[in-house]
C-alpha atoms as a PDB file:
ATOM      1  CA  MET A   1     102.873 -37.112  16.227  1.00  0.00           C
ATOM      2  CA  ASN A   2     102.265 -40.462  14.624  1.00  0.00           C
ATOM      3  CA  ASN A   3      99.263 -39.501  12.516  1.00  0.00           C
ATOM      4  CA  THR A   4      98.305 -41.680   9.571  1.00  0.00           C
ATOM      5  CA  HIS A   5      95.276 -41.261   7.326  1.00  0.00           C
ATOM      6  CA  GLU A   6      93.703 -43.572   4.824  1.00  0.00           C
ATOM      7  CA  HIS A   7      92.303 -41.450   2.036  1.00  0.00           C
ATOM      8  CA  ILE A   8      89.508 -42.032  -0.386  1.00  0.00           C
ATOM      9  CA  GLN A   9      91.193 -40.876  -3.574  1.00  0.00           C
ATOM     10  CA  THR A  10      88.687 -40.696  -6.395  1.00  0.00           C
ATOM     11  CA  PRO A  11      90.285 -40.307  -9.831  1.00  0.00           C
ATOM     12  CA  MET A  12      89.571 -37.191 -11.835  1.00  0.00           C
ATOM     13  CA  ARG A  13      86.834 -37.775 -14.356  1.00  0.00           C
ATOM     14  CA  THR A  14      86.720 -36.020 -17.728  1.00  0.00           C
ATOM     15  CA  ILE A  15      83.298 -35.137 -19.070  1.00  0.00           C
ATOM     16  CA  PRO A  16      83.027 -35.789 -22.834  1.00  0.00           C
ATOM     17  CA  CYS A  17      81.911 -32.493 -24.329  1.00  0.00           C
ATOM     18  CA  THR A  18      83.240 -29.717 -26.547  1.00  0.00           C
ATOM     19  CA  THR A  19      85.524 -28.572 -23.760  1.00  0.00           C
ATOM     20  CA  ILE A  20      87.177 -30.563 -20.992  1.00  0.00           C
ATOM     21  CA  LEU A  21      85.439 -30.073 -17.676  1.00  0.00           C
ATOM     22  CA  ALA A  22      87.441 -31.677 -14.916  1.00  0.00           C
ATOM     23  CA  VAL A  23      87.011 -31.811 -11.179  1.00  0.00           C
ATOM     24  CA  LEU A  24      90.236 -32.303  -9.280  1.00  0.00           C
ATOM     25  CA  LEU A  25      89.499 -34.150  -6.092  1.00  0.00           C
ATOM     26  CA  CYS A  26      92.867 -34.210  -4.345  1.00  0.00           C
ATOM     27  CA  MET A  27      91.873 -31.453  -1.938  1.00  0.00           C
ATOM     28  CA  ALA A  28      88.579 -33.081  -1.126  1.00  0.00           C
ATOM     29  CA  THR A  29      89.719 -36.513  -0.050  1.00  0.00           C
ATOM     30  CA  PHE A  30      88.569 -37.611   3.332  1.00  0.00           C
ATOM     31  CA  SER A  31      90.121 -39.826   5.969  1.00  0.00           C
ATOM     32  CA  LEU A  32      88.346 -43.052   6.822  1.00  0.00           C
ATOM     33  CA  HIS A  33      89.892 -43.141  10.272  1.00  0.00           C
ATOM     34  CA  ALA A  34      90.739 -40.256  12.589  1.00  0.00           C
ATOM     35  CA  LYS A  35      94.287 -40.385  13.844  1.00  0.00           C
ATOM     36  CA  GLY A  36      95.561 -41.172  17.254  1.00  0.00           C
ATOM     37  CA  GLY A  37      98.486 -43.532  16.932  1.00  0.00           C
ATOM     38  CA  ALA A  38      97.065 -46.268  19.167  1.00  0.00           C
ATOM     39  CA  PRO A  39      94.067 -48.619  19.070  1.00  0.00           C
ATOM     40  CA  PRO A  40      90.849 -47.090  20.435  1.00  0.00           C
ATOM     41  CA  THR A  41      89.830 -48.055  23.931  1.00  0.00           C
ATOM     42  CA  ASN A  42      86.446 -48.990  25.336  1.00  0.00           C
ATOM     43  CA  HIS A  43      86.937 -46.790  28.375  1.00  0.00           C
ATOM     44  CA  PRO A  44      84.402 -44.045  29.126  1.00  0.00           C
ATOM     45  CA  PRO A  45      85.418 -40.471  28.242  1.00  0.00           C
ATOM     46  CA  GLY A  46      87.802 -38.983  30.752  1.00  0.00           C
ATOM     47  CA  ASN A  47      89.688 -42.193  31.381  1.00  0.00           C
ATOM     48  CA  GLY A  48      93.460 -41.849  31.630  1.00  0.00           C
ATOM     49  CA  MET A  49      93.705 -38.383  33.212  1.00  0.00           C
ATOM     50  CA  ASP A  50      96.777 -39.366  35.232  1.00  0.00           C
ATOM     51  CA  VAL A  51      98.955 -36.254  35.313  1.00  0.00           C
ATOM     52  CA  GLU A  52     102.304 -37.997  34.949  1.00  0.00           C
ATOM     53  CA  THR A  53     101.050 -39.995  31.977  1.00  0.00           C
ATOM     54  CA  ILE A  54      99.735 -36.852  30.310  1.00  0.00           C
ATOM     55  CA  LYS A  55     103.045 -35.064  30.903  1.00  0.00           C
ATOM     56  CA  LEU A  56     104.922 -37.938  29.295  1.00  0.00           C
ATOM     57  CA  ARG A  57     102.618 -37.906  26.279  1.00  0.00           C
ATOM     58  CA  LEU A  58     103.072 -34.151  25.931  1.00  0.00           C
ATOM     59  CA  GLU A  59     106.837 -34.608  25.868  1.00  0.00           C
ATOM     60  CA  MET A  60     106.489 -37.215  23.117  1.00  0.00           C
ATOM     61  CA  MET A  61     103.898 -35.262  21.125  1.00  0.00           C
ATOM     62  CA  ASP A  62     104.808 -33.596  17.856  1.00  0.00           C
ATOM     63  CA  CYS A  63     103.736 -29.980  18.340  1.00  0.00           C
ATOM     64  CA  PRO A  64     105.059 -26.688  16.894  1.00  0.00           C
ATOM     65  CA  VAL A  65     105.120 -25.095  20.371  1.00  0.00           C
ATOM     66  CA  LYS A  66     106.781 -26.503  23.477  1.00  0.00           C
ATOM     67  CA  ALA A  67     104.048 -28.704  24.914  1.00  0.00           C
ATOM     68  CA  VAL A  68     104.188 -27.565  28.529  1.00  0.00           C
ATOM     69  CA  TYR A  69     101.812 -28.771  31.219  1.00  0.00           C
ATOM     70  CA  ASN A  70     100.351 -25.997  33.361  1.00  0.00           C
ATOM     71  CA  LYS A  71      97.071 -25.209  35.081  1.00  0.00           C
ATOM     72  CA  ASP A  72      95.539 -23.757  31.919  1.00  0.00           C
ATOM     73  CA  VAL A  73      96.503 -26.768  29.817  1.00  0.00           C
ATOM     74  CA  ALA A  74      95.092 -29.032  32.543  1.00  0.00           C
ATOM     75  CA  ALA A  75      91.821 -27.082  32.631  1.00  0.00           C
ATOM     76  CA  TYR A  76      91.358 -27.240  28.865  1.00  0.00           C
ATOM     77  CA  LEU A  77      92.194 -30.944  28.834  1.00  0.00           C
ATOM     78  CA  ARG A  78      89.483 -31.563  31.416  1.00  0.00           C
ATOM     79  CA  SER A  79      87.076 -29.654  29.227  1.00  0.00           C
ATOM     80  CA  TYR A  80      87.976 -31.496  26.028  1.00  0.00           C
ATOM     81  CA  LEU A  81      88.255 -34.962  27.554  1.00  0.00           C
ATOM     82  CA  THR A  82      85.740 -35.110  30.419  1.00  0.00           C
ATOM     83  CA  TYR A  83      82.693 -32.890  30.882  1.00  0.00           C
ATOM     84  CA  GLY A  84      82.924 -31.431  27.360  1.00  0.00           C
ATOM     85  CA  TYR A  85      83.671 -34.699  25.592  1.00  0.00           C
ATOM     86  CA  LYS A  86      80.523 -34.618  23.441  1.00  0.00           C
ATOM     87  CA  GLY A  87      81.682 -31.375  21.869  1.00  0.00           C
ATOM     88  CA  THR A  88      85.095 -32.932  21.298  1.00  0.00           C
ATOM     89  CA  GLU A  89      83.539 -35.935  19.582  1.00  0.00           C
ATOM     90  CA  ARG A  90      81.624 -33.579  17.290  1.00  0.00           C
ATOM     91  CA  MET A  91      84.759 -31.525  16.510  1.00  0.00           C
ATOM     92  CA  LEU A  92      86.863 -34.561  15.699  1.00  0.00           C
ATOM     93  CA  GLY A  93      84.030 -35.928  13.581  1.00  0.00           C
ATOM     94  CA  GLN A  94      84.112 -32.706  11.580  1.00  0.00           C
ATOM     95  CA  GLY A  95      87.826 -33.314  11.241  1.00  0.00           C
ATOM     96  CA  LYS A  96      87.091 -36.252   8.954  1.00  0.00           C
ATOM     97  CA  ILE A  97      86.036 -33.660   6.395  1.00  0.00           C
ATOM     98  CA  LEU A  98      88.138 -30.662   7.393  1.00  0.00           C
ATOM     99  CA  PHE A  99      91.532 -31.987   8.520  1.00  0.00           C
ATOM    100  CA  PRO A 100      92.514 -33.168   5.010  1.00  0.00           C
ATOM    101  CA  ILE A 101      91.767 -29.656   3.708  1.00  0.00           C
ATOM    102  CA  PHE A 102      93.879 -28.060   6.441  1.00  0.00           C
ATOM    103  CA  GLU A 103      96.708 -30.541   5.876  1.00  0.00           C
ATOM    104  CA  HIS A 104      96.722 -29.844   2.147  1.00  0.00           C
ATOM    105  CA  TYR A 105      97.360 -26.128   2.568  1.00  0.00           C
ATOM    106  CA  LEU A 106      99.765 -26.553   5.485  1.00  0.00           C
ATOM    107  CA  GLU A 107     101.866 -28.975   3.474  1.00  0.00           C
ATOM    108  CA  MET A 108     101.695 -26.743   0.407  1.00  0.00           C
ATOM    109  CA  HIS A 109     103.239 -23.881   2.397  1.00  0.00           C
ATOM    110  CA  GLY A 110     105.712 -25.946   4.405  1.00  0.00           C
ATOM    111  CA  MET A 111     103.905 -25.438   7.701  1.00  0.00           C
ATOM    112  CA  PRO A 112     103.543 -27.802  10.690  1.00  0.00           C
ATOM    113  CA  LYS A 113     100.589 -30.118  10.103  1.00  0.00           C
ATOM    114  CA  GLN A 114      99.662 -29.932  13.791  1.00  0.00           C
ATOM    115  CA  LEU A 115      98.351 -26.416  13.152  1.00  0.00           C
ATOM    116  CA  LYS A 116      95.290 -28.201  11.791  1.00  0.00           C
ATOM    117  CA  PHE A 117      94.079 -28.352  15.390  1.00  0.00           C
ATOM    118  CA  LEU A 118      93.941 -24.554  15.734  1.00  0.00           C
ATOM    119  CA  PRO A 119      90.310 -24.290  14.494  1.00  0.00           C
ATOM    120  CA  MET A 120      89.320 -26.445  17.472  1.00  0.00           C
ATOM    121  CA  VAL A 121      90.380 -23.434  19.538  1.00  0.00           C
ATOM    122  CA  GLU A 122      89.103 -20.745  17.198  1.00  0.00           C
ATOM    123  CA  SER A 123      85.678 -21.964  16.113  1.00  0.00           C
ATOM    124  CA  SER A 124      85.105 -25.441  17.575  1.00  0.00           C
ATOM    125  CA  MET A 125      85.401 -26.618  13.944  1.00  0.00           C
ATOM    126  CA  VAL A 126      82.180 -24.861  12.875  1.00  0.00           C
ATOM    127  CA  PRO A 127      82.592 -23.279   9.389  1.00  0.00           C
ATOM    128  CA  TYR A 128      79.703 -20.838   9.866  1.00  0.00           C
ATOM    129  CA  ALA A 129      80.665 -19.762  13.404  1.00  0.00           C
ATOM    130  CA  VAL A 130      80.379 -16.029  14.150  1.00  0.00           C
ATOM    131  CA  SER A 131      81.696 -14.493  17.370  1.00  0.00           C
ATOM    132  CA  TYR A 132      80.074 -11.684  19.331  1.00  0.00           C
ATOM    133  CA  ALA A 133      82.822  -9.392  17.979  1.00  0.00           C
ATOM    134  CA  GLY A 134      82.057 -10.273  14.352  1.00  0.00           C
ATOM    135  CA  ALA A 135      84.850 -12.767  13.658  1.00  0.00           C
ATOM    136  CA  ALA A 136      83.640 -15.522  11.348  1.00  0.00           C
ATOM    137  CA  GLY A 137      84.483 -18.930   9.991  1.00  0.00           C
ATOM    138  CA  LEU A 138      86.740 -21.781  10.992  1.00  0.00           C
ATOM    139  CA  TRP A 139      89.687 -19.433  11.463  1.00  0.00           C
ATOM    140  CA  GLN A 140      87.656 -16.574  12.975  1.00  0.00           C
ATOM    141  CA  PHE A 141      88.741 -13.648  10.817  1.00  0.00           C
ATOM    142  CA  MET A 142      87.420 -10.195  11.593  1.00  0.00           C
ATOM    143  CA  PRO A 143      85.946  -8.413   8.531  1.00  0.00           C
ATOM    144  CA  ALA A 144      88.949  -6.097   8.142  1.00  0.00           C
ATOM    145  CA  THR A 145      91.433  -8.958   8.440  1.00  0.00           C
ATOM    146  CA  GLY A 146      89.489 -10.998   5.915  1.00  0.00           C
ATOM    147  CA  ARG A 147      89.533  -8.127   3.416  1.00  0.00           C
ATOM    148  CA  HIS A 148      93.255  -7.625   4.013  1.00  0.00           C
ATOM    149  CA  LEU A 149      93.820 -11.295   3.210  1.00  0.00           C
ATOM    150  CA  GLY A 150      91.765 -11.092   0.016  1.00  0.00           C
ATOM    151  CA  LEU A 151      88.625 -12.878   1.168  1.00  0.00           C
ATOM    152  CA  ILE A 152      85.373 -11.814  -0.473  1.00  0.00           C
ATOM    153  CA  ASN A 153      82.648 -10.549   1.833  1.00  0.00           C
ATOM    154  CA  ASP A 154      79.771  -9.014  -0.099  1.00  0.00           C
ATOM    155  CA  ARG A 155      76.020  -9.446  -0.352  1.00  0.00           C
ATOM    156  CA  TYR A 156      76.428 -12.900  -1.904  1.00  0.00           C
ATOM    157  CA  LEU A 157      79.451 -14.523  -0.275  1.00  0.00           C
ATOM    158  CA  ASP A 158      81.470 -14.484   2.921  1.00  0.00           C
ATOM    159  CA  GLU A 159      84.648 -16.384   2.124  1.00  0.00           C
ATOM    160  CA  ARG A 160      85.686 -16.294   5.767  1.00  0.00           C
ATOM    161  CA  LYS A 161      83.244 -19.214   6.022  1.00  0.00           C
ATOM    162  CA  ASP A 162      84.668 -21.039   3.009  1.00  0.00           C
ATOM    163  CA  PRO A 163      86.837 -23.904   4.358  1.00  0.00           C
ATOM    164  CA  TYR A 164      89.142 -23.761   1.322  1.00  0.00           C
ATOM    165  CA  ARG A 165      89.632 -20.038   0.866  1.00  0.00           C
ATOM    166  CA  SER A 166      89.756 -19.230   4.582  1.00  0.00           C
ATOM    167  CA  THR A 167      92.240 -22.020   5.282  1.00  0.00           C
ATOM    168  CA  GLU A 168      94.561 -20.876   2.526  1.00  0.00           C
ATOM    169  CA  ALA A 169      94.371 -17.319   3.886  1.00  0.00           C
ATOM    170  CA  ALA A 170      94.962 -18.476   7.476  1.00  0.00           C
ATOM    171  CA  VAL A 171      97.983 -20.571   6.540  1.00  0.00           C
ATOM    172  CA  LYS A 172      99.571 -17.691   4.630  1.00  0.00           C
ATOM    173  CA  TYR A 173      98.876 -15.329   7.523  1.00  0.00           C
ATOM    174  CA  LEU A 174     100.322 -17.705  10.119  1.00  0.00           C
ATOM    175  CA  LYS A 175     103.405 -18.186   7.960  1.00  0.00           C
ATOM    176  CA  LYS A 176     103.865 -14.415   7.797  1.00  0.00           C
ATOM    177  CA  LEU A 177     103.462 -14.087  11.575  1.00  0.00           C
ATOM    178  CA  TYR A 178     105.987 -16.843  12.212  1.00  0.00           C
ATOM    179  CA  LYS A 179     108.497 -15.180   9.907  1.00  0.00           C
ATOM    180  CA  ARG A 180     107.994 -11.889  11.741  1.00  0.00           C
ATOM    181  CA  PHE A 181     108.122 -13.122  15.350  1.00  0.00           C
ATOM    182  CA  GLY A 182     110.353 -16.184  15.087  1.00  0.00           C
ATOM    183  CA  THR A 183     108.518 -18.676  17.340  1.00  0.00           C
ATOM    184  CA  TRP A 184     105.185 -20.413  17.049  1.00  0.00           C
ATOM    185  CA  GLU A 185     104.224 -19.324  20.557  1.00  0.00           C
ATOM    186  CA  LEU A 186     104.523 -15.689  19.482  1.00  0.00           C
ATOM    187  CA  ALA A 187     102.974 -16.336  16.070  1.00  0.00           C
ATOM    188  CA  LEU A 188      99.895 -17.856  17.710  1.00  0.00           C
ATOM    189  CA  ALA A 189      99.709 -15.003  20.207  1.00  0.00           C
ATOM    190  CA  ALA A 190      99.861 -12.504  17.336  1.00  0.00           C
ATOM    191  CA  TYR A 191      97.138 -14.408  15.504  1.00  0.00           C
ATOM    192  CA  ASN A 192      94.919 -14.017  18.553  1.00  0.00           C
ATOM    193  CA  CYS A 193      95.581 -10.469  19.727  1.00  0.00           C
ATOM    194  CA  GLY A 194      97.079  -8.926  16.598  1.00  0.00           C
ATOM    195  CA  PRO A 195     100.707  -8.362  15.598  1.00  0.00           C
ATOM    196  CA  THR A 196     100.663  -4.677  16.549  1.00  0.00           C
ATOM    197  CA  ARG A 197      99.549  -5.391  20.103  1.00  0.00           C
ATOM    198  CA  LEU A 198     102.113  -8.157  20.481  1.00  0.00           C
ATOM    199  CA  SER A 199     104.924  -5.986  19.115  1.00  0.00           C
ATOM    200  CA  ARG A 200     104.098  -3.251  21.630  1.00  0.00           C
ATOM    201  CA  THR A 201     104.202  -5.771  24.464  1.00  0.00           C
ATOM    202  CA  ILE A 202     107.543  -7.165  23.305  1.00  0.00           C
ATOM    203  CA  ARG A 203     109.056  -3.686  23.115  1.00  0.00           C
ATOM    204  CA  ALA A 204     107.714  -2.697  26.529  1.00  0.00           C
ATOM    205  CA  SER A 205     108.885  -5.885  28.226  1.00  0.00           C
ATOM    206  CA  GLY A 206     112.183  -6.272  26.411  1.00  0.00           C
ATOM    207  CA  SER A 207     111.557  -9.997  25.964  1.00  0.00           C
ATOM    208  CA  LYS A 208     110.480 -12.260  23.098  1.00  0.00           C
ATOM    209  CA  ASP A 209     109.733 -15.196  25.380  1.00  0.00           C
ATOM    210  CA  PHE A 210     105.973 -15.731  25.230  1.00  0.00           C
ATOM    211  CA  TRP A 211     105.829 -17.355  28.660  1.00  0.00           C
ATOM    212  CA  LYS A 212     107.577 -14.353  30.218  1.00  0.00           C
ATOM    213  CA  ILE A 213     105.368 -11.719  28.611  1.00  0.00           C
ATOM    214  CA  LYS A 214     102.020 -13.522  28.430  1.00  0.00           C
ATOM    215  CA  ASN A 215     100.608 -11.884  31.565  1.00  0.00           C
ATOM    216  CA  LYS A 216     100.985  -8.506  29.852  1.00  0.00           C
ATOM    217  CA  LEU A 217      98.800  -9.631  26.956  1.00  0.00           C
ATOM    218  CA  PRO A 218      94.975  -9.686  26.783  1.00  0.00           C
ATOM    219  CA  ARG A 219      93.361 -12.315  28.999  1.00  0.00           C
ATOM    220  CA  GLU A 220      92.290 -14.522  26.099  1.00  0.00           C
ATOM    221  CA  THR A 221      95.782 -14.414  24.585  1.00  0.00           C
ATOM    222  CA  GLN A 222      97.373 -15.363  27.909  1.00  0.00           C
ATOM    223  CA  ARG A 223      95.612 -18.729  27.675  1.00  0.00           C
ATOM    224  CA  TYR A 224      95.622 -19.127  23.912  1.00  0.00           C
ATOM    225  CA  VAL A 225      98.825 -21.149  23.522  1.00  0.00           C
ATOM    226  CA  SER A 226      97.867 -23.384  26.447  1.00  0.00           C
ATOM    227  CA  ARG A 227      94.488 -24.011  24.867  1.00  0.00           C
ATOM    228  CA  TYR A 228      96.178 -24.887  21.585  1.00  0.00           C
ATOM    229  CA  ILE A 229      98.472 -27.362  23.385  1.00  0.00           C
ATOM    230  CA  ALA A 230      95.389 -29.006  24.904  1.00  0.00           C
ATOM    231  CA  ALA A 231      93.714 -29.167  21.481  1.00  0.00           C
ATOM    232  CA  CYS A 232      96.839 -30.703  19.961  1.00  0.00           C
ATOM    233  CA  TYR A 233      96.975 -33.300  22.741  1.00  0.00           C
ATOM    234  CA  THR A 234      93.284 -34.075  22.325  1.00  0.00           C
ATOM    235  CA  GLY A 235      93.572 -34.489  18.571  1.00  0.00           C
ATOM    236  CA  THR A 236      96.543 -36.806  19.025  1.00  0.00           C
ATOM    237  CA  TYR A 237      95.531 -38.987  21.978  1.00  0.00           C
ATOM    238  CA  TYR A 238      91.718 -38.777  22.056  1.00  0.00           C
ATOM    239  CA  ASN A 239      91.233 -42.523  21.595  1.00  0.00           C
ATOM    240  CA  LEU A 240      93.238 -43.232  24.751  1.00  0.00           C
ATOM    241  CA  HIS A 241      90.585 -41.275  26.660  1.00  0.00           C
ATOM    242  CA  GLY A 242      87.522 -43.049  25.278  1.00  0.00           C
ATOM    243  CA  ILE A 243      86.637 -40.254  22.838  1.00  0.00           C
ATOM    244  CA  GLN A 244      84.791 -41.491  19.744  1.00  0.00           C
ATOM    245  CA  PRO A 245      84.489 -38.953  16.888  1.00  0.00           C
ATOM    246  CA  LYS A 246      80.916 -38.523  15.664  1.00  0.00           C
ATOM    247  CA  THR A 247      80.842 -38.641  11.904  1.00  0.00           C
ATOM    248  CA  PRO A 248      78.759 -35.751  10.496  1.00  0.00           C
ATOM    249  CA  ALA A 249      75.917 -36.637   8.160  1.00  0.00           C
ATOM    250  CA  GLU A 250      77.488 -34.793   5.226  1.00  0.00           C
ATOM    251  CA  TYR A 251      80.592 -37.010   5.404  1.00  0.00           C
ATOM    252  CA  HIS A 252      78.605 -39.871   3.919  1.00  0.00           C
ATOM    253  CA  LEU A 253      77.826 -37.678   0.903  1.00  0.00           C
ATOM    254  CA  GLN A 254      81.568 -37.661   0.135  1.00  0.00           C
ATOM    255  CA  PRO A 255      81.577 -33.914  -0.583  1.00  0.00           C
ATOM    256  CA  MET A 256      83.948 -32.667  -3.255  1.00  0.00           C
ATOM    257  CA  ALA A 257      84.924 -29.162  -4.296  1.00  0.00           C
ATOM    258  CA  ALA A 258      85.821 -27.498  -7.582  1.00  0.00           C
ATOM    259  CA  ARG A 259      86.458 -23.915  -8.555  1.00  0.00           C
ATOM    260  CA  VAL A 260      83.529 -22.486 -10.501  1.00  0.00           C
ATOM    261  CA  TYR A 261      83.756 -19.299 -12.556  1.00  0.00           C
ATOM    262  CA  SER A 262      80.202 -18.819 -13.803  1.00  0.00           C
ATOM    263  CA  SER A 263      77.283 -17.664 -11.687  1.00  0.00           C
ATOM    264  CA  VAL A 264      75.853 -20.256  -9.324  1.00  0.00           C
ATOM    265  CA  SER A 265      72.251 -20.724  -8.265  1.00  0.00           C
ATOM    266  CA  LEU A 266      71.893 -23.297  -5.519  1.00  0.00           C
ATOM    267  CA  THR A 267      68.266 -23.644  -6.541  1.00  0.00           C
ATOM    268  CA  GLY A 268      69.393 -24.476 -10.074  1.00  0.00           C
ATOM    269  CA  VAL A 269      72.016 -26.871  -8.743  1.00  0.00           C
ATOM    270  CA  ALA A 270      69.310 -28.579  -6.689  1.00  0.00           C
ATOM    271  CA  VAL A 271      67.168 -29.045  -9.796  1.00  0.00           C
ATOM    272  CA  ALA A 272      70.121 -30.413 -11.793  1.00  0.00           C
ATOM    273  CA  THR A 273      71.373 -32.790  -9.115  1.00  0.00           C
ATOM    274  CA  GLY A 274      68.367 -33.667  -6.971  1.00  0.00           C
ATOM    275  CA  VAL A 275      70.187 -32.508  -3.834  1.00  0.00           C
ATOM    276  CA  ASP A 276      68.031 -30.460  -1.467  1.00  0.00           C
ATOM    277  CA  VAL A 277      68.895 -26.764  -1.220  1.00  0.00           C
ATOM    278  CA  SER A 278      69.270 -27.083   2.559  1.00  0.00           C
ATOM    279  CA  VAL A 279      71.993 -29.708   2.046  1.00  0.00           C
ATOM    280  CA  LEU A 280      73.726 -27.495  -0.511  1.00  0.00           C
ATOM    281  CA  LYS A 281      73.707 -24.614   1.969  1.00  0.00           C
ATOM    282  CA  THR A 282      75.289 -26.854   4.604  1.00  0.00           C
ATOM    283  CA  LEU A 283      78.006 -27.889   2.163  1.00  0.00           C
ATOM    284  CA  ASN A 284      78.587 -24.274   1.075  1.00  0.00           C
ATOM    285  CA  PRO A 285      78.560 -22.145   4.255  1.00  0.00           C
ATOM    286  CA  SER A 286      80.095 -19.139   2.476  1.00  0.00           C
ATOM    287  CA  PHE A 287      76.887 -18.560   0.471  1.00  0.00           C
ATOM    288  CA  LYS A 288      74.807 -15.797   2.048  1.00  0.00           C
ATOM    289  CA  ALA A 289      71.961 -16.470  -0.365  1.00  0.00           C
ATOM    290  CA  THR A 290      71.196 -19.135  -2.940  1.00  0.00           C
ATOM    291  CA  TYR A 291      72.803 -17.173  -5.781  1.00  0.00           C
ATOM    292  CA  THR A 292      76.204 -15.663  -6.480  1.00  0.00           C
ATOM    293  CA  PRO A 293      77.444 -14.053  -9.707  1.00  0.00           C
ATOM    294  CA  GLY A 294      80.469 -15.325 -11.584  1.00  0.00           C
ATOM    295  CA  ARG A 295      83.904 -14.299 -10.322  1.00  0.00           C
ATOM    296  CA  ALA A 296      87.088 -13.709 -12.279  1.00  0.00           C
ATOM    297  CA  ASN A 297      89.071 -15.776  -9.770  1.00  0.00           C
ATOM    298  CA  GLY A 298      86.313 -18.310  -9.257  1.00  0.00           C
ATOM    299  CA  ILE A 299      84.711 -19.617  -6.090  1.00  0.00           C
ATOM    300  CA  TYR A 300      84.666 -23.069  -4.535  1.00  0.00           C
ATOM    301  CA  LEU A 301      81.456 -25.016  -4.973  1.00  0.00           C
ATOM    302  CA  VAL A 302      81.019 -28.170  -2.884  1.00  0.00           C
ATOM    303  CA  LEU A 303      78.679 -30.967  -3.970  1.00  0.00           C
ATOM    304  CA  PRO A 304      78.216 -34.642  -3.104  1.00  0.00           C
ATOM    305  CA  ARG A 305      80.606 -36.701  -5.211  1.00  0.00           C
ATOM    306  CA  ASN A 306      77.926 -38.386  -7.288  1.00  0.00           C
ATOM    307  CA  SER A 307      76.165 -35.078  -7.939  1.00  0.00           C
ATOM    308  CA  TRP A 308      79.088 -33.471  -9.735  1.00  0.00           C
ATOM    309  CA  TYR A 309      78.447 -35.472 -12.861  1.00  0.00           C
ATOM    310  CA  ASP A 310      74.846 -34.273 -13.107  1.00  0.00           C
ATOM    311  CA  TYR A 311      75.935 -30.697 -12.436  1.00  0.00           C
ATOM    312  CA  LEU A 312      78.689 -30.785 -15.051  1.00  0.00           C
ATOM    313  CA  ASP A 313      76.374 -32.337 -17.598  1.00  0.00           C
ATOM    314  CA  SER A 314      73.990 -29.434 -17.029  1.00  0.00           C
ATOM    315  CA  LYS A 315      76.854 -26.961 -17.565  1.00  0.00           C
ATOM    316  CA  ASN A 316      78.325 -28.459 -20.721  1.00  0.00           C
ATOM    317  CA  LYS A 317      77.141 -25.585 -22.842  1.00  0.00           C
ATOM    318  CA  TYR A 318      79.133 -23.142 -20.689  1.00  0.00           C
ATOM    319  CA  ALA A 319      82.727 -23.691 -21.777  1.00  0.00           C
ATOM    320  CA  GLY A 320      85.233 -22.996 -19.030  1.00  0.00           C
ATOM    321  CA  SER A 321      82.655 -22.584 -16.306  1.00  0.00           C
ATOM    322  CA  VAL A 322      84.337 -25.183 -14.113  1.00  0.00           C
ATOM    323  CA  ALA A 323      88.077 -25.673 -13.763  1.00  0.00           C
ATOM    324  CA  ALA A 324      90.321 -27.965 -11.820  1.00  0.00           C
ATOM    325  CA  GLN A 325      91.519 -26.874  -8.416  1.00  0.00           C
ATOM    326  CA  PRO A 326      95.115 -25.642  -8.329  1.00  0.00           C
END
């Protein structure tokens, strides 16, 4: 996949006070241009659905699973690129903010960068998404899975909805599943239906070939890898189909994150920075309320770039309350 990003890299600023309060911005840089590898077209959405052309692109596409073309892949491509194109434009617009975060953690753990498209399948790139079964966040963790992965979920916070913490947890979990099952097809299947269920199916069938055992898996899992292939294709070649990502309003705020160790009141942050509480809630979807107590391991607080300086100035008297991201 020939994906290139231009990044807005804002240098770390040191606040002159009795202690150094620094905000590391490397994990909160944002691409100016969504990828695609070819100049955008002026064609209406859905253009270029020639099957042979799509098959050729799939063969050329960088993807951690074998990018097959089957009826499920075709159906999901029609959804992403034709009648559901508005949703795709919204998802890829969100990617301007979220893809750099995903890429950071994937690269940190030596994982395929194309896994950044998995939240298109899981949550349609909505950080606060909650399923009917209770799965939440970009990576759709169930409460028990989130706890197992060390994500806080109490009366104040649900870190399943935190793009930073949930992504780090998801990447570590996917890496563990890949190490256990040996292929990305099986790792993705295990992510969807659970490793125990997949292991039982493998033992019963005597095969570790996902495509041979998929019909013995839950219905959603049978189509999961195909849906991921379609998402990967869409994220790679969207501009050849007339898809134009819709930049979310918060992108223009240039949101940046830092780990905060003291208690946080979004109301207090609003007073200090002049940013409306509703905007702060949008930028911090893990907050269940407007207040959270301090945490020994810290939490991620996201603010507009220009608002960090006002916030840090208001916190100068609290030494060590804000630290650089790892």
